[in-house]
PDB file of N, CA and C in Angstrom:
ATOM      1  N   MET A   1     146.838   5.556  97.598  1.00  0.00           N
ATOM      2  CA  MET A   1     146.538   6.665  98.458  1.00  0.00           C
ATOM      3  C   MET A   1     146.911   6.359  99.899  1.00  0.00           C
ATOM      4  N   ALA A   2     146.927   5.100 100.261  1.00  0.00           N
ATOM      5  CA  ALA A   2     147.298   4.760 101.637  1.00  0.00           C
ATOM      6  C   ALA A   2     148.726   5.225 101.943  1.00  0.00           C
ATOM      7  N   LYS A   3     149.612   5.043 100.979  1.00  0.00           N
ATOM      8  CA  LYS A   3     150.986   5.488 101.166  1.00  0.00           C
ATOM      9  C   LYS A   3     151.043   7.012 101.272  1.00  0.00           C
ATOM     10  N   ALA A   4     150.289   7.712 100.452  1.00  0.00           N
ATOM     11  CA  ALA A   4     150.241   9.171 100.505  1.00  0.00           C
ATOM     12  C   ALA A   4     149.691   9.644 101.851  1.00  0.00           C
ATOM     13  N   ASP A   5     148.648   8.983 102.341  1.00  0.00           N
ATOM     14  CA  ASP A   5     148.088   9.335 103.653  1.00  0.00           C
ATOM     15  C   ASP A   5     149.106   9.143 104.768  1.00  0.00           C
ATOM     16  N   MET A   6     149.845   8.050 104.714  1.00  0.00           N
ATOM     17  CA  MET A   6     150.854   7.774 105.729  1.00  0.00           C
ATOM     18  C   MET A   6     151.963   8.826 105.696  1.00  0.00           C
ATOM     19  N   LEU A   7     152.408   9.185 104.505  1.00  0.00           N
ATOM     20  CA  LEU A   7     153.446  10.206 104.374  1.00  0.00           C
ATOM     21  C   LEU A   7     152.966  11.566 104.864  1.00  0.00           C
ATOM     22  N   CYS A   8     151.711  11.879 104.628  1.00  0.00           N
ATOM     23  CA  CYS A   8     151.147  13.138 105.097  1.00  0.00           C
ATOM     24  C   CYS A   8     151.118  13.164 106.633  1.00  0.00           C
ATOM     25  N   SER A   9     150.740  12.055 107.235  1.00  0.00           N
ATOM     26  CA  SER A   9     150.753  11.948 108.701  1.00  0.00           C
ATOM     27  C   SER A   9     152.161  12.103 109.247  1.00  0.00           C
ATOM     28  N   THR A  10     153.119  11.480 108.587  1.00  0.00           N
ATOM     29  CA  THR A  10     154.512  11.593 109.005  1.00  0.00           C
ATOM     30  C   THR A  10     154.997  13.035 108.884  1.00  0.00           C
ATOM     31  N   ALA A  11     154.600  13.715 107.815  1.00  0.00           N
ATOM     32  CA  ALA A  11     154.984  15.115 107.633  1.00  0.00           C
ATOM     33  C   ALA A  11     154.473  15.964 108.793  1.00  0.00           C
ATOM     34  N   ARG A  12     153.240  15.720 109.201  1.00  0.00           N
ATOM     35  CA  ARG A  12     152.682  16.479 110.329  1.00  0.00           C
ATOM     36  C   ARG A  12     153.450  16.200 111.617  1.00  0.00           C
ATOM     37  N   LEU A  13     153.781  14.936 111.847  1.00  0.00           N
ATOM     38  CA  LEU A  13     154.513  14.574 113.065  1.00  0.00           C
ATOM     39  C   LEU A  13     155.875  15.249 113.142  1.00  0.00           C
ATOM     40  N   VAL A  14     156.641  15.163 112.070  1.00  0.00           N
ATOM     41  CA  VAL A  14     157.981  15.751 112.121  1.00  0.00           C
ATOM     42  C   VAL A  14     157.914  17.274 112.140  1.00  0.00           C
ATOM     43  N   LEU A  15     156.898  17.858 111.522  1.00  0.00           N
ATOM     44  CA  LEU A  15     156.736  19.309 111.586  1.00  0.00           C
ATOM     45  C   LEU A  15     156.446  19.744 113.023  1.00  0.00           C
ATOM     46  N   ASN A  16     155.607  18.981 113.709  1.00  0.00           N
ATOM     47  CA  ASN A  16     155.293  19.287 115.108  1.00  0.00           C
ATOM     48  C   ASN A  16     156.515  19.163 116.012  1.00  0.00           C
ATOM     49  N   HIS A  17     157.514  18.417 115.564  1.00  0.00           N
ATOM     50  CA  HIS A  17     158.762  18.285 116.319  1.00  0.00           C
ATOM     51  C   HIS A  17     159.836  19.266 115.825  1.00  0.00           C
ATOM     52  N   GLY A  18     159.457  20.165 114.925  1.00  0.00           N
ATOM     53  CA  GLY A  18     160.370  21.215 114.486  1.00  0.00           C
ATOM     54  C   GLY A  18     161.273  20.860 113.325  1.00  0.00           C
ATOM     55  N   ASP A  19     161.084  19.712 112.709  1.00  0.00           N
ATOM     56  CA  ASP A  19     161.934  19.293 111.591  1.00  0.00           C
ATOM     57  C   ASP A  19     161.260  19.678 110.274  1.00  0.00           C
ATOM     58  N   THR A  20     161.439  20.931 109.882  1.00  0.00           N
ATOM     59  CA  THR A  20     160.753  21.422 108.682  1.00  0.00           C
ATOM     60  C   THR A  20     161.280  20.787 107.395  1.00  0.00           C
ATOM     61  N   ASP A  21     162.585  20.524 107.332  1.00  0.00           N
ATOM     62  CA  ASP A  21     163.136  19.905 106.115  1.00  0.00           C
ATOM     63  C   ASP A  21     162.508  18.536 105.861  1.00  0.00           C
ATOM     64  N   SER A  22     162.437  17.720 106.891  1.00  0.00           N
ATOM     65  CA  SER A  22     161.828  16.386 106.740  1.00  0.00           C
ATOM     66  C   SER A  22     160.339  16.496 106.465  1.00  0.00           C
ATOM     67  N   ALA A  23     159.675  17.471 107.065  1.00  0.00           N
ATOM     68  CA  ALA A  23     158.244  17.655 106.839  1.00  0.00           C
ATOM     69  C   ALA A  23     157.965  18.002 105.380  1.00  0.00           C
ATOM     70  N   VAL A  24     158.773  18.900 104.813  1.00  0.00           N
ATOM     71  CA  VAL A  24     158.597  19.264 103.404  1.00  0.00           C
ATOM     72  C   VAL A  24     158.861  18.060 102.507  1.00  0.00           C
ATOM     73  N   ASN A  25     159.899  17.299 102.815  1.00  0.00           N
ATOM     74  CA  ASN A  25     160.225  16.114 102.035  1.00  0.00           C
ATOM     75  C   ASN A  25     159.080  15.111 102.059  1.00  0.00           C
ATOM     76  N   ARG A  26     158.560  14.826 103.238  1.00  0.00           N
ATOM     77  CA  ARG A  26     157.461  13.859 103.361  1.00  0.00           C
ATOM     78  C   ARG A  26     156.196  14.386 102.694  1.00  0.00           C
ATOM     79  N   ALA A  27     155.941  15.696 102.820  1.00  0.00           N
ATOM     80  CA  ALA A  27     154.755  16.271 102.187  1.00  0.00           C
ATOM     81  C   ALA A  27     154.855  16.163 100.664  1.00  0.00           C
ATOM     82  N   TYR A  28     156.031  16.425 100.123  1.00  0.00           N
ATOM     83  CA  TYR A  28     156.209  16.295  98.666  1.00  0.00           C
ATOM     84  C   TYR A  28     155.935  14.860  98.225  1.00  0.00           C
ATOM     85  N   TYR A  29     156.513  13.900  98.931  1.00  0.00           N
ATOM     86  CA  TYR A  29     156.298  12.509  98.524  1.00  0.00           C
ATOM     87  C   TYR A  29     154.852  12.072  98.715  1.00  0.00           C
ATOM     88  N   ALA A  30     154.153  12.661  99.682  1.00  0.00           N
ATOM     89  CA  ALA A  30     152.721  12.388  99.829  1.00  0.00           C
ATOM     90  C   ALA A  30     151.984  12.879  98.586  1.00  0.00           C
ATOM     91  N   MET A  31     152.335  14.070  98.124  1.00  0.00           N
ATOM     92  CA  MET A  31     151.713  14.624  96.926  1.00  0.00           C
ATOM     93  C   MET A  31     152.065  13.805  95.692  1.00  0.00           C
ATOM     94  N   PHE A  32     153.315  13.400  95.594  1.00  0.00           N
ATOM     95  CA  PHE A  32     153.779  12.604  94.458  1.00  0.00           C
ATOM     96  C   PHE A  32     153.027  11.272  94.403  1.00  0.00           C
ATOM     97  N   ASP A  33     152.908  10.615  95.556  1.00  0.00           N
ATOM     98  CA  ASP A  33     152.198   9.339  95.589  1.00  0.00           C
ATOM     99  C   ASP A  33     150.700   9.503  95.350  1.00  0.00           C
ATOM    100  N   ALA A  34     150.125  10.621  95.779  1.00  0.00           N
ATOM    101  CA  ALA A  34     148.720  10.894  95.480  1.00  0.00           C
ATOM    102  C   ALA A  34     148.522  11.071  93.967  1.00  0.00           C
ATOM    103  N   ALA A  35     149.479  11.734  93.320  1.00  0.00           N
ATOM    104  CA  ALA A  35     149.415  11.883  91.861  1.00  0.00           C
ATOM    105  C   ALA A  35     149.515  10.514  91.192  1.00  0.00           C
ATOM    106  N   ARG A  36     150.401   9.665  91.684  1.00  0.00           N
ATOM    107  CA  ARG A  36     150.514   8.311  91.125  1.00  0.00           C
ATOM    108  C   ARG A  36     149.217   7.543  91.310  1.00  0.00           C
ATOM    109  N   ALA A  37     148.577   7.704  92.457  1.00  0.00           N
ATOM    110  CA  ALA A  37     147.296   7.039  92.705  1.00  0.00           C
ATOM    111  C   ALA A  37     146.231   7.550  91.731  1.00  0.00           C
ATOM    112  N   ALA A  38     146.250   8.848  91.443  1.00  0.00           N
ATOM    113  CA  ALA A  38     145.299   9.405  90.483  1.00  0.00           C
ATOM    114  C   ALA A  38     145.485   8.773  89.110  1.00  0.00           C
ATOM    115  N   PHE A  39     146.727   8.502  88.731  1.00  0.00           N
ATOM    116  CA  PHE A  39     146.970   7.825  87.458  1.00  0.00           C
ATOM    117  C   PHE A  39     146.402   6.407  87.466  1.00  0.00           C
ATOM    118  N   LEU A  40     146.502   5.739  88.596  1.00  0.00           N
ATOM    119  CA  LEU A  40     146.015   4.367  88.684  1.00  0.00           C
ATOM    120  C   LEU A  40     144.507   4.270  88.483  1.00  0.00           C
ATOM    121  N   VAL A  41     143.757   5.270  88.932  1.00  0.00           N
ATOM    122  CA  VAL A  41     142.305   5.217  88.784  1.00  0.00           C
ATOM    123  C   VAL A  41     141.827   5.872  87.495  1.00  0.00           C
ATOM    124  N   SER A  42     142.742   6.449  86.748  1.00  0.00           N
ATOM    125  CA  SER A  42     142.400   7.021  85.440  1.00  0.00           C
ATOM    126  C   SER A  42     143.001   6.117  84.365  1.00  0.00           C
ATOM    127  N   ASP A  43     142.786   6.466  83.156  1.00  0.00           N
ATOM    128  CA  ASP A  43     143.358   5.692  82.053  1.00  0.00           C
ATOM    129  C   ASP A  43     144.660   6.303  81.559  1.00  0.00           C
ATOM    130  N   VAL A  44     145.359   7.013  82.432  1.00  0.00           N
ATOM    131  CA  VAL A  44     146.597   7.693  82.067  1.00  0.00           C
ATOM    132  C   VAL A  44     147.782   6.885  82.581  1.00  0.00           C
ATOM    133  N   GLN A  45     148.743   6.676  81.704  1.00  0.00           N
ATOM    134  CA  GLN A  45     149.966   5.969  82.076  1.00  0.00           C
ATOM    135  C   GLN A  45     150.948   6.958  82.677  1.00  0.00           C
ATOM    136  N   GLY A  46     151.385   6.732  83.902  1.00  0.00           N
ATOM    137  CA  GLY A  46     152.358   7.603  84.550  1.00  0.00           C
ATOM    138  C   GLY A  46     153.777   7.269  84.107  1.00  0.00           C
ATOM    139  N   THR A  47     154.719   7.990  84.661  1.00  0.00           N
ATOM    140  CA  THR A  47     156.124   7.748  84.369  1.00  0.00           C
ATOM    141  C   THR A  47     156.861   7.516  85.680  1.00  0.00           C
ATOM    142  N   ARG A  48     158.105   7.134  85.597  1.00  0.00           N
ATOM    143  CA  ARG A  48     158.894   6.872  86.803  1.00  0.00           C
ATOM    144  C   ARG A  48     159.639   8.100  87.314  1.00  0.00           C
ATOM    145  N   THR A  49     159.880   9.076  86.456  1.00  0.00           N
ATOM    146  CA  THR A  49     160.649  10.242  86.887  1.00  0.00           C
ATOM    147  C   THR A  49     159.717  11.281  87.525  1.00  0.00           C
ATOM    148  N   HIS A  50     160.274  12.075  88.399  1.00  0.00           N
ATOM    149  CA  HIS A  50     159.480  13.104  89.055  1.00  0.00           C
ATOM    150  C   HIS A  50     159.041  14.167  88.054  1.00  0.00           C
ATOM    151  N   ASP A  51     159.958  14.645  87.224  1.00  0.00           N
ATOM    152  CA  ASP A  51     159.610  15.645  86.203  1.00  0.00           C
ATOM    153  C   ASP A  51     158.531  15.118  85.264  1.00  0.00           C
ATOM    154  N   GLY A  52     158.699  13.895  84.821  1.00  0.00           N
ATOM    155  CA  GLY A  52     157.726  13.286  83.909  1.00  0.00           C
ATOM    156  C   GLY A  52     156.366  13.119  84.552  1.00  0.00           C
ATOM    157  N   MET A  53     156.358  12.712  85.812  1.00  0.00           N
ATOM    158  CA  MET A  53     155.095  12.522  86.515  1.00  0.00           C
ATOM    159  C   MET A  53     154.353  13.853  86.665  1.00  0.00           C
ATOM    160  N   ILE A  54     155.083  14.909  86.991  1.00  0.00           N
ATOM    161  CA  ILE A  54     154.449  16.220  87.148  1.00  0.00           C
ATOM    162  C   ILE A  54     153.905  16.711  85.806  1.00  0.00           C
ATOM    163  N   ARG A  55     154.675  16.515  84.738  1.00  0.00           N
ATOM    164  CA  ARG A  55     154.207  16.922  83.399  1.00  0.00           C
ATOM    165  C   ARG A  55     152.953  16.153  82.997  1.00  0.00           C
ATOM    166  N   MET A  56     152.968  14.838  83.206  1.00  0.00           N
ATOM    167  CA  MET A  56     151.811  14.012  82.843  1.00  0.00           C
ATOM    168  C   MET A  56     150.596  14.376  83.703  1.00  0.00           C
ATOM    169  N   PHE A  57     150.831  14.639  84.978  1.00  0.00           N
ATOM    170  CA  PHE A  57     149.769  15.048  85.886  1.00  0.00           C
ATOM    171  C   PHE A  57     149.126  16.346  85.384  1.00  0.00           C
ATOM    172  N   ALA A  58     149.971  17.312  85.034  1.00  0.00           N
ATOM    173  CA  ALA A  58     149.469  18.600  84.538  1.00  0.00           C
ATOM    174  C   ALA A  58     148.703  18.438  83.235  1.00  0.00           C
ATOM    175  N   LEU A  59     149.241  17.664  82.328  1.00  0.00           N
ATOM    176  CA  LEU A  59     148.643  17.518  80.997  1.00  0.00           C
ATOM    177  C   LEU A  59     147.347  16.723  81.022  1.00  0.00           C
ATOM    178  N   HIS A  60     147.341  15.604  81.716  1.00  0.00           N
ATOM    179  CA  HIS A  60     146.210  14.686  81.614  1.00  0.00           C
ATOM    180  C   HIS A  60     145.175  14.811  82.728  1.00  0.00           C
ATOM    181  N   LEU A  61     145.584  15.244  83.894  1.00  0.00           N
ATOM    182  CA  LEU A  61     144.624  15.286  85.002  1.00  0.00           C
ATOM    183  C   LEU A  61     144.241  16.700  85.414  1.00  0.00           C
ATOM    184  N   VAL A  62     145.000  17.687  84.962  1.00  0.00           N
ATOM    185  CA  VAL A  62     144.653  19.075  85.266  1.00  0.00           C
ATOM    186  C   VAL A  62     144.134  19.760  84.010  1.00  0.00           C
ATOM    187  N   LYS A  63     144.955  19.831  82.979  1.00  0.00           N
ATOM    188  CA  LYS A  63     144.551  20.535  81.751  1.00  0.00           C
ATOM    189  C   LYS A  63     143.317  19.896  81.113  1.00  0.00           C
ATOM    190  N   ASN A  64     143.324  18.574  80.963  1.00  0.00           N
ATOM    191  CA  ASN A  64     142.227  17.869  80.300  1.00  0.00           C
ATOM    192  C   ASN A  64     141.363  17.080  81.273  1.00  0.00           C
ATOM    193  N   GLY A  65     141.603  17.245  82.552  1.00  0.00           N
ATOM    194  CA  GLY A  65     140.942  16.351  83.481  1.00  0.00           C
ATOM    195  C   GLY A  65     140.216  17.036  84.615  1.00  0.00           C
ATOM    196  N   PRO A  66     139.932  16.259  85.614  1.00  0.00           N
ATOM    197  CA  PRO A  66     139.046  16.718  86.682  1.00  0.00           C
ATOM    198  C   PRO A  66     139.714  17.565  87.776  1.00  0.00           C
ATOM    199  N   LEU A  67     141.032  17.660  87.793  1.00  0.00           N
ATOM    200  CA  LEU A  67     141.705  18.331  88.899  1.00  0.00           C
ATOM    201  C   LEU A  67     141.988  19.798  88.598  1.00  0.00           C
ATOM    202  N   LEU A  68     142.116  20.573  89.654  1.00  0.00           N
ATOM    203  CA  LEU A  68     142.338  22.015  89.527  1.00  0.00           C
ATOM    204  C   LEU A  68     143.807  22.340  89.291  1.00  0.00           C
ATOM    205  N   ASN A  69     144.044  23.476  88.660  1.00  0.00           N
ATOM    206  CA  ASN A  69     145.393  23.940  88.380  1.00  0.00           C
ATOM    207  C   ASN A  69     146.205  24.121  89.667  1.00  0.00           C
ATOM    208  N   GLU A  70     145.538  24.453  90.762  1.00  0.00           N
ATOM    209  CA  GLU A  70     146.226  24.628  92.042  1.00  0.00           C
ATOM    210  C   GLU A  70     146.941  23.345  92.480  1.00  0.00           C
ATOM    211  N   ASN A  71     146.398  22.198  92.080  1.00  0.00           N
ATOM    212  CA  ASN A  71     147.020  20.930  92.444  1.00  0.00           C
ATOM    213  C   ASN A  71     148.400  20.773  91.834  1.00  0.00           C
ATOM    214  N   VAL A  72     148.526  21.078  90.558  1.00  0.00           N
ATOM    215  CA  VAL A  72     149.835  20.942  89.908  1.00  0.00           C
ATOM    216  C   VAL A  72     150.765  22.061  90.336  1.00  0.00           C
ATOM    217  N   LYS A  73     150.225  23.239  90.635  1.00  0.00           N
ATOM    218  CA  LYS A  73     151.076  24.323  91.138  1.00  0.00           C
ATOM    219  C   LYS A  73     151.696  23.941  92.474  1.00  0.00           C
ATOM    220  N   ALA A  74     150.896  23.365  93.346  1.00  0.00           N
ATOM    221  CA  ALA A  74     151.409  22.941  94.661  1.00  0.00           C
ATOM    222  C   ALA A  74     152.453  21.837  94.506  1.00  0.00           C
ATOM    223  N   LEU A  75     152.202  20.904  93.606  1.00  0.00           N
ATOM    224  CA  LEU A  75     153.152  19.819  93.364  1.00  0.00           C
ATOM    225  C   LEU A  75     154.477  20.372  92.843  1.00  0.00           C
ATOM    226  N   ASN A  76     154.408  21.318  91.913  1.00  0.00           N
ATOM    227  CA  ASN A  76     155.625  21.951  91.391  1.00  0.00           C
ATOM    228  C   ASN A  76     156.365  22.709  92.472  1.00  0.00           C
ATOM    229  N   ARG A  77     155.664  23.450  93.299  1.00  0.00           N
ATOM    230  CA  ARG A  77     156.321  24.191  94.386  1.00  0.00           C
ATOM    231  C   ARG A  77     157.027  23.250  95.350  1.00  0.00           C
ATOM    232  N   ALA A  78     156.384  22.153  95.691  1.00  0.00           N
ATOM    233  CA  ALA A  78     156.976  21.193  96.617  1.00  0.00           C
ATOM    234  C   ALA A  78     158.192  20.518  95.997  1.00  0.00           C
ATOM    235  N   TYR A  79     158.139  20.251  94.700  1.00  0.00           N
ATOM    236  CA  TYR A  79     159.258  19.613  94.031  1.00  0.00           C
ATOM    237  C   TYR A  79     160.462  20.522  94.036  1.00  0.00           C
TER     238      TYR A  79
END
């Protein structure tokens, strides 16, 4: 989560400087790394690909797990 927090801070900084493309990129990777962190604290094995990670996140942590559907929707939109 530390990496996700850092990326989120970076996204805010570049957005404040008018660089929306970089802000979206950093925000997506913050979300991606937060999803990876969620896998680390659960008993779910993640994958290395972005598509696979989003699918596993949706299946194991949203559909059958503690997270809301809005989380995977936001991750998909950012991707």
